[in-house]
């Protein structure tokens, strides 16, 4: 394989794949709660409608971005990726340090199930509400995936490889979910968010620099030290945050 694959294509596909795993796991928890509480018809219909909307968004944004001059596109996408990646990295650092609680899929499943069971109305009304809950969960989580797919794919013409990475994650999570038929609580979501935050932040700095006309030493290979820099910074801040938090508790 060419060096470009390992320095650009592989990180882009990996970022889309890992980010999609996190978001699909969270959406699957809500869809599972809808299916087991109100039946699989509204769960499947709500999920299908949300996936159709997301597909339209990706298909519309992808070609639209191609008409923007590459330098402006890289600057715009780079800034968005940096902000998005730093947001993921910040939350992952605080969760790793114990400042924020880890996301608990079993707790989310229990809350959603309890909410659905307390709703009143006719059978058709309850089915409609359940379908909306599935639609909303898949759409909201999927929008983040769609943004990442379009963003990491647009800068180097990797929209379809990034989309395939996201689809592969969806297939993997849904396949495991169908088999175990319960919330996927053992998926290391925070570690995945940490990794995705590192990769997106690295892409963000790299493409922002390219958009500003920076000549990176080593060209695309500069993605690797940038990602390593964010990784070391994230681990360092996590240690500092944990130490500070423990001192406060003491």
Protein backbone atom coordinates (compact mmCIF):
# COMPACT_ATOMS: atom_id res chain seq x y z
CA UNK A 1 0.00 0.00 0.00
CA UNK A 2 1.12 3.56 -0.72
CA UNK A 3 2.38 5.87 2.05
CA UNK A 4 -0.65 8.10 1.42
CA UNK A 5 -2.91 5.28 2.58
CA UNK A 6 -1.23 4.99 5.98
CA UNK A 7 -0.80 8.72 6.56
CA UNK A 8 -4.13 10.06 5.30
CA UNK A 9 -6.67 7.45 4.20
CA UNK A 10 -6.19 5.02 7.08
CA UNK A 11 -6.44 7.69 9.83
CA UNK A 12 -9.53 9.18 8.15
CA UNK A 13 -11.29 5.84 7.86
CA UNK A 14 -10.22 4.89 11.40
CA UNK A 15 -11.56 8.16 12.84
CA UNK A 16 -14.90 7.63 11.10
CA UNK A 17 -15.01 3.97 12.22
CA UNK A 18 -14.18 4.61 15.89
CA UNK A 19 -16.41 7.67 16.19
CA UNK A 20 -19.27 5.73 14.63
CA UNK A 21 -18.86 2.89 17.12
CA UNK A 22 -19.31 5.34 20.02
CA UNK A 23 -22.35 7.06 18.53
CA UNK A 24 -24.01 3.87 17.25
CA UNK A 25 -23.64 2.20 20.66
CA UNK A 26 -25.45 5.14 22.30
CA UNK A 27 -28.18 5.19 19.64
CA UNK A 28 -28.57 1.40 19.83
CA UNK A 29 -29.29 1.64 23.56
CA UNK A 30 -32.30 3.91 22.92
CA UNK A 31 -33.54 1.85 19.97
CA UNK A 32 -33.26 -1.31 22.08
CA UNK A 33 -35.27 0.31 24.86
CA UNK A 34 -37.96 1.29 22.34
CA UNK A 35 -38.02 -2.17 20.80
CA UNK A 36 -38.24 -4.11 24.03
CA UNK A 37 -40.78 -1.73 25.59
CA UNK A 38 -43.09 -0.70 22.72
CA UNK A 39 -42.31 -3.24 20.02
CA UNK A 40 -39.83 -3.44 17.17
CA UNK A 41 -42.08 -1.87 14.53
CA UNK A 42 -41.73 1.72 15.83
CA UNK A 43 -38.05 1.10 16.65
CA UNK A 44 -37.27 -0.04 13.11
CA UNK A 45 -39.40 2.62 11.43
CA UNK A 46 -37.88 5.43 13.51
CA UNK A 47 -34.37 4.16 12.88
CA UNK A 48 -34.98 3.76 9.15
CA UNK A 49 -36.38 7.28 8.82
CA UNK A 50 -33.38 8.77 10.67
CA UNK A 51 -30.90 6.82 8.53
CA UNK A 52 -32.61 8.09 5.39
CA UNK A 53 -32.30 11.69 6.58
CA UNK A 54 -28.63 11.17 7.45
CA UNK A 55 -27.92 9.61 4.05
CA UNK A 56 -29.48 12.62 2.33
CA UNK A 57 -27.35 14.98 4.43
CA UNK A 58 -24.11 13.17 3.52
CA UNK A 59 -25.05 12.91 -0.16
CA UNK A 60 -25.96 16.59 -0.28
CA UNK A 61 -22.97 17.95 1.64
CA UNK A 62 -20.34 15.80 -0.05
CA UNK A 63 -20.77 17.10 -3.63
CA UNK A 64 -21.52 20.63 -2.36
CA UNK A 65 -18.15 20.79 -0.63
CA UNK A 66 -16.35 19.78 -3.82
CA UNK A 67 -17.13 23.12 -5.48
CA UNK A 68 -15.34 25.06 -2.70
CA UNK A 69 -11.66 25.83 -3.44
CA UNK A 70 -9.56 23.25 -1.63
CA UNK A 71 -7.63 25.79 0.47
CA UNK A 72 -10.80 27.42 1.85
CA UNK A 73 -12.35 24.01 2.36
CA UNK A 74 -9.35 22.76 4.33
CA UNK A 75 -9.34 25.89 6.49
CA UNK A 76 -13.07 25.68 7.22
CA UNK A 77 -13.10 21.93 7.86
CA UNK A 78 -9.83 22.11 9.80
CA UNK A 79 -11.19 24.67 12.27
CA UNK A 80 -14.41 22.68 12.74
CA UNK A 81 -12.51 19.42 13.23
CA UNK A 82 -10.21 21.05 15.76
CA UNK A 83 -13.14 22.42 17.77
CA UNK A 84 -15.02 19.13 17.52
CA UNK A 85 -11.98 17.00 18.37
CA UNK A 86 -11.00 19.18 21.33
CA UNK A 87 -14.55 18.87 22.66
CA UNK A 88 -14.34 15.07 22.54
CA UNK A 89 -10.85 15.11 24.02
CA UNK A 90 -11.83 17.46 26.85
CA UNK A 91 -14.74 15.26 27.96
CA UNK A 92 -12.63 12.10 27.65
CA UNK A 93 -9.87 13.66 29.79
CA UNK A 94 -12.33 14.73 32.50
CA UNK A 95 -13.98 11.30 32.52
CA UNK A 96 -10.59 9.60 32.66
CA UNK A 97 -9.69 11.81 35.61
CA UNK A 98 -12.94 11.00 37.40
CA UNK A 99 -14.23 14.59 37.26
CA UNK A 100 -17.11 13.57 34.99
CA UNK A 101 -18.89 10.20 35.37
CA UNK A 102 -18.36 7.57 32.70
CA UNK A 103 -21.24 7.06 30.31
CA UNK A 104 -23.29 4.05 31.47
CA UNK A 105 -25.30 2.36 28.72
CA UNK A 106 -27.22 0.18 31.17
CA UNK A 107 -28.27 3.28 33.11
CA UNK A 108 -29.33 5.01 29.89
CA UNK A 109 -31.32 1.94 28.88
CA UNK A 110 -33.07 1.82 32.27
CA UNK A 111 -33.96 5.53 32.14
CA UNK A 112 -35.33 5.33 28.61
CA UNK A 113 -37.32 2.20 29.41
CA UNK A 114 -38.80 3.80 32.53
CA UNK A 115 -39.75 6.92 30.54
CA UNK A 116 -41.49 4.89 27.86
CA UNK A 117 -43.40 2.82 30.42
CA UNK A 118 -44.75 5.89 32.22
CA UNK A 119 -46.25 7.41 29.06
CA UNK A 120 -50.01 7.15 28.65
CA UNK A 121 -52.26 7.15 25.60
CA UNK A 122 -53.73 4.91 22.96
CA UNK A 123 -51.72 2.11 21.39
CA UNK A 124 -51.22 4.12 18.19
CA UNK A 125 -50.11 7.20 20.14
CA UNK A 126 -47.62 5.23 22.23
CA UNK A 127 -46.24 3.57 19.11
CA UNK A 128 -45.84 6.97 17.44
CA UNK A 129 -44.05 8.41 20.49
CA UNK A 130 -41.75 5.40 20.62
CA UNK A 131 -40.92 5.76 16.93
CA UNK A 132 -40.09 9.43 17.46
CA UNK A 133 -37.78 8.48 20.35
CA UNK A 134 -35.89 6.04 18.11
CA UNK A 135 -35.78 8.58 15.26
CA UNK A 136 -34.45 11.33 17.52
CA UNK A 137 -31.75 9.12 19.08
CA UNK A 138 -30.45 7.84 15.76
CA UNK A 139 -30.61 11.27 14.12
CA UNK A 140 -28.84 13.15 16.91
CA UNK A 141 -26.07 10.59 17.32
CA UNK A 142 -25.86 10.11 13.57
CA UNK A 143 -25.41 13.81 12.88
CA UNK A 144 -22.07 13.71 14.68
CA UNK A 145 -21.07 10.70 12.58
CA UNK A 146 -22.20 12.43 9.39
CA UNK A 147 -20.20 15.53 10.27
CA UNK A 148 -17.05 13.50 10.95
CA UNK A 149 -17.47 11.46 7.75
CA UNK A 150 -17.92 14.57 5.61
CA UNK A 151 -15.20 16.54 7.40
CA UNK A 152 -12.44 13.93 7.38
CA UNK A 153 -13.35 12.84 3.88
CA UNK A 154 -13.68 16.23 2.21
CA UNK A 155 -10.13 17.49 2.67
CA UNK A 156 -8.46 14.74 0.63
CA UNK A 157 -11.32 13.31 -1.44
CA UNK A 158 -11.91 10.45 1.01
CA UNK A 159 -15.66 10.82 1.46
CA UNK A 160 -16.56 7.31 0.35
CA UNK A 161 -13.76 5.52 2.30
CA UNK A 162 -14.78 7.46 5.42
CA UNK A 163 -18.44 6.59 4.79
CA UNK A 164 -17.51 2.91 4.43
CA UNK A 165 -15.66 3.11 7.75
CA UNK A 166 -18.81 4.49 9.40
CA UNK A 167 -21.00 1.85 7.76
CA UNK A 168 -18.61 -0.87 8.93
CA UNK A 169 -18.93 0.38 12.50
CA UNK A 170 -22.73 0.41 12.23
CA UNK A 171 -22.77 -3.15 10.91
CA UNK A 172 -20.43 -4.33 13.67
CA UNK A 173 -22.36 -2.72 16.54
CA UNK A 174 -25.77 -3.76 15.22
CA UNK A 175 -24.57 -7.30 14.59
CA UNK A 176 -23.26 -7.64 18.14
CA UNK A 177 -26.38 -5.94 19.51
CA UNK A 178 -28.71 -8.37 17.73
CA UNK A 179 -26.75 -11.31 19.12
CA UNK A 180 -26.49 -10.18 22.77
CA UNK A 181 -29.84 -8.32 22.77
CA UNK A 182 -28.84 -5.98 25.59
CA UNK A 183 -27.04 -2.64 26.03
CA UNK A 184 -23.39 -2.80 24.97
CA UNK A 185 -22.08 -1.61 28.31
CA UNK A 186 -18.64 -3.20 27.91
CA UNK A 187 -17.62 -1.11 24.93
CA UNK A 188 -14.79 1.18 26.15
CA UNK A 189 -16.57 4.33 25.03
CA UNK A 190 -14.32 6.78 26.86
CA UNK A 191 -11.14 5.26 25.47
CA UNK A 192 -12.63 5.40 21.98
CA UNK A 193 -13.66 9.04 22.49
CA UNK A 194 -10.15 9.82 23.70
CA UNK A 195 -8.65 8.27 20.57
CA UNK A 196 -11.11 9.94 18.22
CA UNK A 197 -10.53 13.30 19.92
CA UNK A 198 -6.79 12.90 19.36
CA UNK A 199 -7.21 12.02 15.68
CA UNK A 200 -9.76 14.74 14.92
CA UNK A 201 -7.65 17.36 16.69
CA UNK A 202 -4.58 16.28 14.70
CA UNK A 203 -6.53 16.46 11.43
CA UNK A 204 -7.90 19.84 12.48
CA UNK A 205 -4.49 21.42 13.06
CA UNK A 206 -3.07 19.84 9.90
CA UNK A 207 -5.84 21.01 7.57
CA UNK A 208 -6.09 24.44 9.20
CA UNK A 209 -2.39 24.86 8.53
CA UNK A 210 -2.76 23.71 4.92
CA UNK A 211 -5.66 26.11 4.46
CA UNK A 212 -3.43 28.93 5.73
CA UNK A 213 -0.67 27.92 3.33
CA UNK A 214 1.62 26.22 5.84
CA UNK A 215 4.18 23.88 4.24
CA UNK A 216 4.26 21.02 6.72
CA UNK A 217 7.62 19.22 6.96
CA UNK A 218 7.13 15.71 5.70
CA UNK A 219 3.77 16.71 4.13
CA UNK A 220 1.05 14.24 5.16
CA UNK A 221 3.43 12.44 7.53
CA UNK A 222 3.08 15.45 9.85
CA UNK A 223 -0.31 14.02 10.89
CA UNK A 224 1.48 11.42 13.01
CA UNK A 225 3.48 13.78 15.29
CA UNK A 226 0.46 16.10 15.57
CA UNK A 227 -1.71 13.21 16.78
CA UNK A 228 1.09 12.10 19.13
CA UNK A 229 1.29 15.63 20.54
CA UNK A 230 -2.45 15.69 21.32
CA UNK A 231 -2.22 12.19 22.81
CA UNK A 232 0.60 13.17 25.18
CA UNK A 233 -1.14 16.43 26.08
CA UNK A 234 -4.41 14.62 26.78
CA UNK A 235 -2.72 12.03 29.00
CA UNK A 236 -0.83 14.76 30.81
CA UNK A 237 -3.92 16.87 31.45
CA UNK A 238 -5.79 13.76 32.60
CA UNK A 239 -3.14 13.11 35.27
CA UNK A 240 -3.19 16.73 36.39
CA UNK A 241 -6.99 16.79 36.52
CA UNK A 242 -7.12 13.54 38.50
CA UNK A 243 -4.55 14.81 41.01
CA UNK A 244 -6.41 18.10 41.45
CA UNK A 245 -9.75 16.34 41.81
CA UNK A 246 -8.37 13.93 44.42
CA UNK A 247 -6.94 16.86 46.40
CA UNK A 248 -10.36 18.55 46.38
CA UNK A 249 -12.07 15.38 47.60
CA UNK A 250 -9.46 14.92 50.32
